[in-house]
């Protein structure tokens, strides 16, 4: 696991105003760092969910295929195919 990283991000205008409304006494977050960490966590969760959904769709497609379309393969067949 990597150690802490310090990043500097400059925002202005409407984005800066939007962040300001979400931080501080009236906002949902105590400080900008807390807000950014939460945004990153949510984006990570979204990316993981997207990957899961793609895998799930592939599995649904595979399991809905007619059994006659399946080919018997040995472990050696799979290994050889993946090396090619």
PDB file of N, CA and C in Angstrom:
ATOM      1  N   UNK A   1       0.840  -1.185   0.000  1.00  0.00           N
ATOM      2  CA  UNK A   1       0.000   0.000   0.000  1.00  0.00           C
ATOM      3  C   UNK A   1       0.879   1.240   0.000  1.00  0.00           C
ATOM      4  N   UNK A   2       0.559   2.167  -0.846  1.00  0.00           N
ATOM      5  CA  UNK A   2       1.331   3.402  -0.947  1.00  0.00           C
ATOM      6  C   UNK A   2       1.058   4.290   0.264  1.00  0.00           C
ATOM      7  N   UNK A   3       2.038   5.105   0.590  1.00  0.00           N
ATOM      8  CA  UNK A   3       1.875   6.048   1.686  1.00  0.00           C
ATOM      9  C   UNK A   3       1.036   7.233   1.259  1.00  0.00           C
ATOM     10  N   UNK A   4       0.813   8.158   2.185  1.00  0.00           N
ATOM     11  CA  UNK A   4       0.012   9.334   1.866  1.00  0.00           C
ATOM     12  C   UNK A   4       0.639  10.162   0.744  1.00  0.00           C
ATOM     13  N   UNK A   5      -0.195  10.748  -0.069  1.00  0.00           N
ATOM     14  CA  UNK A   5       0.244  11.603  -1.163  1.00  0.00           C
ATOM     15  C   UNK A   5      -0.398  12.968  -0.987  1.00  0.00           C
ATOM     16  N   UNK A   6       0.398  13.998  -1.120  1.00  0.00           N
ATOM     17  CA  UNK A   6      -0.134  15.355  -1.076  1.00  0.00           C
ATOM     18  C   UNK A   6      -0.314  15.843  -2.498  1.00  0.00           C
ATOM     19  N   UNK A   7      -1.491  16.376  -2.785  1.00  0.00           N
ATOM     20  CA  UNK A   7      -1.794  16.868  -4.121  1.00  0.00           C
ATOM     21  C   UNK A   7      -2.323  18.287  -4.009  1.00  0.00           C
ATOM     22  N   UNK A   8      -2.003  19.074  -5.001  1.00  0.00           N
ATOM     23  CA  UNK A   8      -2.525  20.435  -5.074  1.00  0.00           C
ATOM     24  C   UNK A   8      -3.439  20.526  -6.280  1.00  0.00           C
ATOM     25  N   UNK A   9      -4.643  20.991  -6.048  1.00  0.00           N
ATOM     26  CA  UNK A   9      -5.622  21.124  -7.120  1.00  0.00           C
ATOM     27  C   UNK A   9      -6.147  22.555  -7.100  1.00  0.00           C
ATOM     28  N   UNK A  10      -6.133  23.184  -8.244  1.00  0.00           N
ATOM     29  CA  UNK A  10      -6.655  24.548  -8.338  1.00  0.00           C
ATOM     30  C   UNK A  10      -8.000  24.505  -9.055  1.00  0.00           C
ATOM     31  N   UNK A  11      -8.983  25.100  -8.426  1.00  0.00           N
ATOM     32  CA  UNK A  11     -10.293  25.236  -9.061  1.00  0.00           C
ATOM     33  C   UNK A  11     -10.757  26.669  -8.859  1.00  0.00           C
ATOM     34  N   UNK A  12     -11.599  27.118  -9.741  1.00  0.00           N
ATOM     35  CA  UNK A  12     -12.096  28.490  -9.620  1.00  0.00           C
ATOM     36  C   UNK A  12     -13.519  28.554 -10.132  1.00  0.00           C
ATOM     37  N   UNK A  13     -14.087  29.691 -10.004  1.00  0.00           N
ATOM     38  CA  UNK A  13     -15.412  29.936 -10.554  1.00  0.00           C
ATOM     39  C   UNK A  13     -16.487  29.056  -9.953  1.00  0.00           C
ATOM     40  N   UNK A  14     -17.331  28.537 -10.822  1.00  0.00           N
ATOM     41  CA  UNK A  14     -18.482  27.750 -10.391  1.00  0.00           C
ATOM     42  C   UNK A  14     -18.068  26.508  -9.601  1.00  0.00           C
ATOM     43  N   UNK A  15     -16.966  25.870 -10.005  1.00  0.00           N
ATOM     44  CA  UNK A  15     -16.516  24.690  -9.261  1.00  0.00           C
ATOM     45  C   UNK A  15     -16.091  25.061  -7.850  1.00  0.00           C
ATOM     46  N   UNK A  16     -15.360  26.147  -7.717  1.00  0.00           N
ATOM     47  CA  UNK A  16     -14.926  26.603  -6.403  1.00  0.00           C
ATOM     48  C   UNK A  16     -16.126  26.939  -5.523  1.00  0.00           C
ATOM     49  N   UNK A  17     -17.096  27.618  -6.106  1.00  0.00           N
ATOM     50  CA  UNK A  17     -18.309  27.955  -5.355  1.00  0.00           C
ATOM     51  C   UNK A  17     -19.065  26.708  -4.926  1.00  0.00           C
ATOM     52  N   UNK A  18     -19.119  25.721  -5.805  1.00  0.00           N
ATOM     53  CA  UNK A  18     -19.808  24.475  -5.480  1.00  0.00           C
ATOM     54  C   UNK A  18     -19.126  23.768  -4.320  1.00  0.00           C
ATOM     55  N   UNK A  19     -17.793  23.696  -4.360  1.00  0.00           N
ATOM     56  CA  UNK A  19     -17.051  23.068  -3.265  1.00  0.00           C
ATOM     57  C   UNK A  19     -17.318  23.822  -1.967  1.00  0.00           C
ATOM     58  N   UNK A  20     -17.287  25.143  -2.022  1.00  0.00           N
ATOM     59  CA  UNK A  20     -17.499  25.958  -0.829  1.00  0.00           C
ATOM     60  C   UNK A  20     -18.857  25.692  -0.189  1.00  0.00           C
ATOM     61  N   UNK A  21     -19.880  25.412  -1.003  1.00  0.00           N
ATOM     62  CA  UNK A  21     -21.207  25.139  -0.435  1.00  0.00           C
ATOM     63  C   UNK A  21     -21.283  23.778   0.238  1.00  0.00           C
ATOM     64  N   UNK A  22     -20.340  22.896  -0.075  1.00  0.00           N
ATOM     65  CA  UNK A  22     -20.335  21.551   0.511  1.00  0.00           C
ATOM     66  C   UNK A  22     -19.376  21.407   1.680  1.00  0.00           C
ATOM     67  N   UNK A  23     -18.635  22.442   1.987  1.00  0.00           N
ATOM     68  CA  UNK A  23     -17.612  22.390   3.030  1.00  0.00           C
ATOM     69  C   UNK A  23     -17.894  23.474   4.068  1.00  0.00           C
ATOM     70  N   UNK A  24     -17.590  23.165   5.315  1.00  0.00           N
ATOM     71  CA  UNK A  24     -17.729  24.174   6.364  1.00  0.00           C
ATOM     72  C   UNK A  24     -18.977  23.975   7.186  1.00  0.00           C
ATOM     73  N   UNK A  25     -19.333  25.005   7.913  1.00  0.00           N
ATOM     74  CA  UNK A  25     -20.434  24.933   8.873  1.00  0.00           C
ATOM     75  C   UNK A  25     -21.746  24.471   8.236  1.00  0.00           C
ATOM     76  N   UNK A  26     -22.056  24.947   7.055  1.00  0.00           N
ATOM     77  CA  UNK A  26     -23.333  24.601   6.410  1.00  0.00           C
ATOM     78  C   UNK A  26     -23.225  23.424   5.442  1.00  0.00           C
ATOM     79  N   UNK A  27     -22.014  22.941   5.202  1.00  0.00           N
ATOM     80  CA  UNK A  27     -21.826  21.863   4.238  1.00  0.00           C
ATOM     81  C   UNK A  27     -21.802  20.497   4.890  1.00  0.00           C
ATOM     82  N   UNK A  28     -21.718  19.475   4.079  1.00  0.00           N
ATOM     83  CA  UNK A  28     -21.695  18.092   4.560  1.00  0.00           C
ATOM     84  C   UNK A  28     -20.306  17.656   5.013  1.00  0.00           C
ATOM     85  N   UNK A  29     -19.279  18.430   4.687  1.00  0.00           N
ATOM     86  CA  UNK A  29     -17.895  18.059   4.990  1.00  0.00           C
ATOM     87  C   UNK A  29     -17.232  19.155   5.810  1.00  0.00           C
ATOM     88  N   UNK A  30     -16.333  18.736   6.700  1.00  0.00           N
ATOM     89  CA  UNK A  30     -15.633  19.697   7.549  1.00  0.00           C
ATOM     90  C   UNK A  30     -14.569  20.475   6.789  1.00  0.00           C
ATOM     91  N   UNK A  31     -13.938  19.817   5.804  1.00  0.00           N
ATOM     92  CA  UNK A  31     -12.878  20.495   5.051  1.00  0.00           C
ATOM     93  C   UNK A  31     -12.816  19.937   3.629  1.00  0.00           C
ATOM     94  N   UNK A  32     -12.067  20.612   2.792  1.00  0.00           N
ATOM     95  CA  UNK A  32     -11.974  20.229   1.382  1.00  0.00           C
ATOM     96  C   UNK A  32     -11.343  18.847   1.229  1.00  0.00           C
ATOM     97  N   UNK A  33     -10.332  18.541   2.040  1.00  0.00           N
ATOM     98  CA  UNK A  33      -9.671  17.235   1.934  1.00  0.00           C
ATOM     99  C   UNK A  33     -10.656  16.097   2.186  1.00  0.00           C
ATOM    100  N   UNK A  34     -11.502  16.256   3.188  1.00  0.00           N
ATOM    101  CA  UNK A  34     -12.510  15.235   3.489  1.00  0.00           C
ATOM    102  C   UNK A  34     -13.459  15.063   2.302  1.00  0.00           C
ATOM    103  N   UNK A  35     -13.854  16.178   1.703  1.00  0.00           N
ATOM    104  CA  UNK A  35     -14.749  16.156   0.543  1.00  0.00           C
ATOM    105  C   UNK A  35     -14.102  15.428  -0.633  1.00  0.00           C
ATOM    106  N   UNK A  36     -12.859  15.757  -0.926  1.00  0.00           N
ATOM    107  CA  UNK A  36     -12.145  15.133  -2.049  1.00  0.00           C
ATOM    108  C   UNK A  36     -11.958  13.636  -1.805  1.00  0.00           C
ATOM    109  N   UNK A  37     -11.571  13.261  -0.581  1.00  0.00           N
ATOM    110  CA  UNK A  37     -11.415  11.827  -0.279  1.00  0.00           C
ATOM    111  C   UNK A  37     -12.726  11.075  -0.498  1.00  0.00           C
ATOM    112  N   UNK A  38     -13.849  11.670  -0.088  1.00  0.00           N
ATOM    113  CA  UNK A  38     -15.143  11.025  -0.281  1.00  0.00           C
ATOM    114  C   UNK A  38     -15.478  10.901  -1.770  1.00  0.00           C
ATOM    115  N   UNK A  39     -15.191  11.943  -2.548  1.00  0.00           N
ATOM    116  CA  UNK A  39     -15.430  11.873  -3.990  1.00  0.00           C
ATOM    117  C   UNK A  39     -14.608  10.759  -4.628  1.00  0.00           C
ATOM    118  N   UNK A  40     -13.357  10.624  -4.215  1.00  0.00           N
ATOM    119  CA  UNK A  40     -12.491   9.588  -4.773  1.00  0.00           C
ATOM    120  C   UNK A  40     -13.003   8.209  -4.377  1.00  0.00           C
ATOM    121  N   UNK A  41     -13.401   8.044  -3.112  1.00  0.00           N
ATOM    122  CA  UNK A  41     -13.958   6.747  -2.678  1.00  0.00           C
ATOM    123  C   UNK A  41     -15.195   6.381  -3.493  1.00  0.00           C
ATOM    124  N   UNK A  42     -16.073   7.357  -3.692  1.00  0.00           N
ATOM    125  CA  UNK A  42     -17.296   7.088  -4.458  1.00  0.00           C
ATOM    126  C   UNK A  42     -16.975   6.739  -5.909  1.00  0.00           C
ATOM    127  N   UNK A  43     -16.003   7.420  -6.497  1.00  0.00           N
ATOM    128  CA  UNK A  43     -15.611   7.124  -7.870  1.00  0.00           C
ATOM    129  C   UNK A  43     -15.007   5.733  -7.963  1.00  0.00           C
ATOM    130  N   UNK A  44     -14.214   5.359  -6.957  1.00  0.00           N
ATOM    131  CA  UNK A  44     -13.623   4.012  -6.917  1.00  0.00           C
ATOM    132  C   UNK A  44     -14.726   2.963  -6.827  1.00  0.00           C
ATOM    133  N   UNK A  45     -15.702   3.188  -5.954  1.00  0.00           N
ATOM    134  CA  UNK A  45     -16.823   2.254  -5.829  1.00  0.00           C
ATOM    135  C   UNK A  45     -17.596   2.147  -7.142  1.00  0.00           C
ATOM    136  N   UNK A  46     -17.786   3.284  -7.833  1.00  0.00           N
ATOM    137  CA  UNK A  46     -18.492   3.275  -9.106  1.00  0.00           C
ATOM    138  C   UNK A  46     -17.726   2.467 -10.151  1.00  0.00           C
ATOM    139  N   UNK A  47     -16.407   2.652 -10.195  1.00  0.00           N
ATOM    140  CA  UNK A  47     -15.584   1.912 -11.151  1.00  0.00           C
ATOM    141  C   UNK A  47     -15.629   0.411 -10.860  1.00  0.00           C
ATOM    142  N   UNK A  48     -15.583   0.054  -9.579  1.00  0.00           N
ATOM    143  CA  UNK A  48     -15.663  -1.363  -9.203  1.00  0.00           C
ATOM    144  C   UNK A  48     -17.026  -1.943  -9.562  1.00  0.00           C
ATOM    145  N   UNK A  49     -18.100  -1.167  -9.343  1.00  0.00           N
ATOM    146  CA  UNK A  49     -19.443  -1.628  -9.694  1.00  0.00           C
ATOM    147  C   UNK A  49     -19.578  -1.789 -11.201  1.00  0.00           C
ATOM    148  N   UNK A  50     -19.016  -0.863 -11.972  1.00  0.00           N
ATOM    149  CA  UNK A  50     -19.045  -0.976 -13.438  1.00  0.00           C
ATOM    150  C   UNK A  50     -18.345  -2.249 -13.905  1.00  0.00           C
ATOM    151  N   UNK A  51     -17.177  -2.545 -13.312  1.00  0.00           N
ATOM    152  CA  UNK A  51     -16.443  -3.759 -13.678  1.00  0.00           C
ATOM    153  C   UNK A  51     -17.254  -4.997 -13.327  1.00  0.00           C
ATOM    154  N   UNK A  52     -17.882  -4.994 -12.154  1.00  0.00           N
ATOM    155  CA  UNK A  52     -18.723  -6.122 -11.744  1.00  0.00           C
ATOM    156  C   UNK A  52     -19.901  -6.290 -12.701  1.00  0.00           C
ATOM    157  N   UNK A  53     -20.535  -5.178 -13.073  1.00  0.00           N
ATOM    158  CA  UNK A  53     -21.684  -5.243 -13.980  1.00  0.00           C
ATOM    159  C   UNK A  53     -21.290  -5.794 -15.348  1.00  0.00           C
ATOM    160  N   UNK A  54     -20.091  -5.408 -15.840  1.00  0.00           N
ATOM    161  CA  UNK A  54     -19.620  -5.945 -17.127  1.00  0.00           C
ATOM    162  C   UNK A  54     -19.386  -7.459 -17.022  1.00  0.00           C
ATOM    163  N   UNK A  55     -18.766  -7.886 -15.928  1.00  0.00           N
ATOM    164  CA  UNK A  55     -18.523  -9.314 -15.721  1.00  0.00           C
ATOM    165  C   UNK A  55     -19.843 -10.064 -15.616  1.00  0.00           C
ATOM    166  N   UNK A  56     -20.780  -9.507 -14.867  1.00  0.00           N
ATOM    167  CA  UNK A  56     -22.085 -10.142 -14.702  1.00  0.00           C
ATOM    168  C   UNK A  56     -22.790 -10.291 -16.049  1.00  0.00           C
ATOM    169  N   UNK A  57     -22.720  -9.256 -16.884  1.00  0.00           N
ATOM    170  CA  UNK A  57     -23.352  -9.318 -18.208  1.00  0.00           C
ATOM    171  C   UNK A  57     -22.710 -10.405 -19.061  1.00  0.00           C
ATOM    172  N   UNK A  58     -21.385 -10.514 -18.996  1.00  0.00           N
ATOM    173  CA  UNK A  58     -20.694 -11.571 -19.760  1.00  0.00           C
ATOM    174  C   UNK A  58     -21.107 -12.957 -19.267  1.00  0.00           C
ATOM    175  N   UNK A  59     -21.236 -13.119 -17.959  1.00  0.00           N
ATOM    176  CA  UNK A  59     -21.636 -14.421 -17.409  1.00  0.00           C
ATOM    177  C   UNK A  59     -23.077 -14.756 -17.781  1.00  0.00           C
ATOM    178  N   UNK A  60     -23.950 -13.774 -17.727  1.00  0.00           N
ATOM    179  CA  UNK A  60     -25.349 -14.011 -18.127  1.00  0.00           C
ATOM    180  C   UNK A  60     -25.398 -14.452 -19.583  1.00  0.00           C
ATOM    181  N   UNK A  61     -24.624 -13.780 -20.435  1.00  0.00           N
ATOM    182  CA  UNK A  61     -24.570 -14.141 -21.846  1.00  0.00           C
ATOM    183  C   UNK A  61     -24.029 -15.561 -22.023  1.00  0.00           C
ATOM    184  N   UNK A  62     -22.972 -15.891 -21.307  1.00  0.00           N
ATOM    185  CA  UNK A  62     -22.364 -17.223 -21.427  1.00  0.00           C
ATOM    186  C   UNK A  62     -23.318 -18.316 -20.955  1.00  0.00           C
ATOM    187  N   UNK A  63     -23.990 -18.077 -19.829  1.00  0.00           N
ATOM    188  CA  UNK A  63     -24.883 -19.106 -19.295  1.00  0.00           C
ATOM    189  C   UNK A  63     -26.185 -19.218 -20.065  1.00  0.00           C
ATOM    190  N   UNK A  64     -26.520 -18.211 -20.864  1.00  0.00           N
ATOM    191  CA  UNK A  64     -27.747 -18.292 -21.652  1.00  0.00           C
ATOM    192  C   UNK A  64     -27.501 -18.914 -23.028  1.00  0.00           C
ATOM    193  N   UNK A  65     -26.248 -19.143 -23.382  1.00  0.00           N
ATOM    194  CA  UNK A  65     -25.925 -19.759 -24.676  1.00  0.00           C
ATOM    195  C   UNK A  65     -26.365 -21.231 -24.663  1.00  0.00           C
ATOM    196  N   UNK A  66     -26.778 -21.730 -25.800  1.00  0.00           N
ATOM    197  CA  UNK A  66     -27.182 -23.142 -25.855  1.00  0.00           C
ATOM    198  C   UNK A  66     -25.992 -24.054 -25.536  1.00  0.00           C
ATOM    199  N   UNK A  67     -26.272 -25.124 -24.843  1.00  0.00           N
ATOM    200  CA  UNK A  67     -25.212 -26.036 -24.420  1.00  0.00           C
ATOM    201  C   UNK A  67     -24.431 -26.592 -25.608  1.00  0.00           C
ATOM    202  N   UNK A  68     -25.071 -26.714 -26.749  1.00  0.00           N
ATOM    203  CA  UNK A  68     -24.405 -27.241 -27.943  1.00  0.00           C
ATOM    204  C   UNK A  68     -23.279 -26.320 -28.421  1.00  0.00           C
ATOM    205  N   UNK A  69     -23.313 -25.060 -28.010  1.00  0.00           N
ATOM    206  CA  UNK A  69     -22.276 -24.120 -28.450  1.00  0.00           C
ATOM    207  C   UNK A  69     -21.008 -24.210 -27.608  1.00  0.00           C
ATOM    208  N   UNK A  70     -21.058 -24.960 -26.512  1.00  0.00           N
ATOM    209  CA  UNK A  70     -19.879 -25.113 -25.658  1.00  0.00           C
ATOM    210  C   UNK A  70     -18.920 -26.134 -26.246  1.00  0.00           C
ATOM    211  N   UNK A  71     -17.625 -25.891 -26.053  1.00  0.00           N
ATOM    212  CA  UNK A  71     -16.596 -26.825 -26.499  1.00  0.00           C
ATOM    213  C   UNK A  71     -15.862 -27.355 -25.282  1.00  0.00           C
ATOM    214  N   UNK A  72     -15.659 -28.667 -25.206  1.00  0.00           N
ATOM    215  CA  UNK A  72     -14.891 -29.192 -24.076  1.00  0.00           C
ATOM    216  C   UNK A  72     -13.421 -28.781 -24.222  1.00  0.00           C
ATOM    217  N   UNK A  73     -12.831 -28.285 -23.142  1.00  0.00           N
ATOM    218  CA  UNK A  73     -11.430 -27.868 -23.136  1.00  0.00           C
ATOM    219  C   UNK A  73     -10.734 -28.449 -21.916  1.00  0.00           C
ATOM    220  N   UNK A  74      -9.505 -28.793 -22.105  1.00  0.00           N
ATOM    221  CA  UNK A  74      -8.690 -29.216 -20.970  1.00  0.00           C
ATOM    222  C   UNK A  74      -7.934 -27.997 -20.444  1.00  0.00           C
ATOM    223  N   UNK A  75      -7.351 -28.131 -19.273  1.00  0.00           N
ATOM    224  CA  UNK A  75      -6.541 -27.040 -18.715  1.00  0.00           C
ATOM    225  C   UNK A  75      -5.394 -26.720 -19.670  1.00  0.00           C
ATOM    226  N   UNK A  76      -4.810 -27.738 -20.276  1.00  0.00           N
ATOM    227  CA  UNK A  76      -3.717 -27.522 -21.223  1.00  0.00           C
ATOM    228  C   UNK A  76      -4.179 -26.722 -22.430  1.00  0.00           C
ATOM    229  N   UNK A  77      -5.417 -26.955 -22.900  1.00  0.00           N
ATOM    230  CA  UNK A  77      -5.981 -26.188 -24.020  1.00  0.00           C
ATOM    231  C   UNK A  77      -6.074 -24.697 -23.637  1.00  0.00           C
ATOM    232  N   UNK A  78      -6.568 -24.424 -22.462  1.00  0.00           N
ATOM    233  CA  UNK A  78      -6.739 -23.043 -22.017  1.00  0.00           C
ATOM    234  C   UNK A  78      -5.383 -22.369 -21.864  1.00  0.00           C
ATOM    235  N   UNK A  79      -4.440 -23.061 -21.251  1.00  0.00           N
ATOM    236  CA  UNK A  79      -3.102 -22.502 -21.059  1.00  0.00           C
ATOM    237  C   UNK A  79      -2.460 -22.225 -22.414  1.00  0.00           C
ATOM    238  N   UNK A  80      -2.565 -23.163 -23.329  1.00  0.00           N
ATOM    239  CA  UNK A  80      -1.992 -22.968 -24.664  1.00  0.00           C
ATOM    240  C   UNK A  80      -2.633 -21.817 -25.402  1.00  0.00           C
ATOM    241  N   UNK A  81      -3.942 -21.693 -25.289  1.00  0.00           N
ATOM    242  CA  UNK A  81      -4.653 -20.585 -25.944  1.00  0.00           C
ATOM    243  C   UNK A  81      -4.224 -19.246 -25.361  1.00  0.00           C
ATOM    244  N   UNK A  82      -4.007 -19.190 -24.072  1.00  0.00           N
ATOM    245  CA  UNK A  82      -3.629 -17.936 -23.422  1.00  0.00           C
ATOM    246  C   UNK A  82      -2.174 -17.555 -23.688  1.00  0.00           C
ATOM    247  N   UNK A  83      -1.341 -18.511 -24.018  1.00  0.00           N
ATOM    248  CA  UNK A  83       0.058 -18.219 -24.343  1.00  0.00           C
ATOM    249  C   UNK A  83       0.213 -17.687 -25.757  1.00  0.00           C
ATOM    250  N   UNK A  84      -0.764 -18.000 -26.590  1.00  0.00           N
ATOM    251  CA  UNK A  84      -0.675 -17.605 -28.011  1.00  0.00           C
ATOM    252  C   UNK A  84      -0.909 -16.133 -28.207  1.00  0.00           C
TER     253      UNK A  84
END
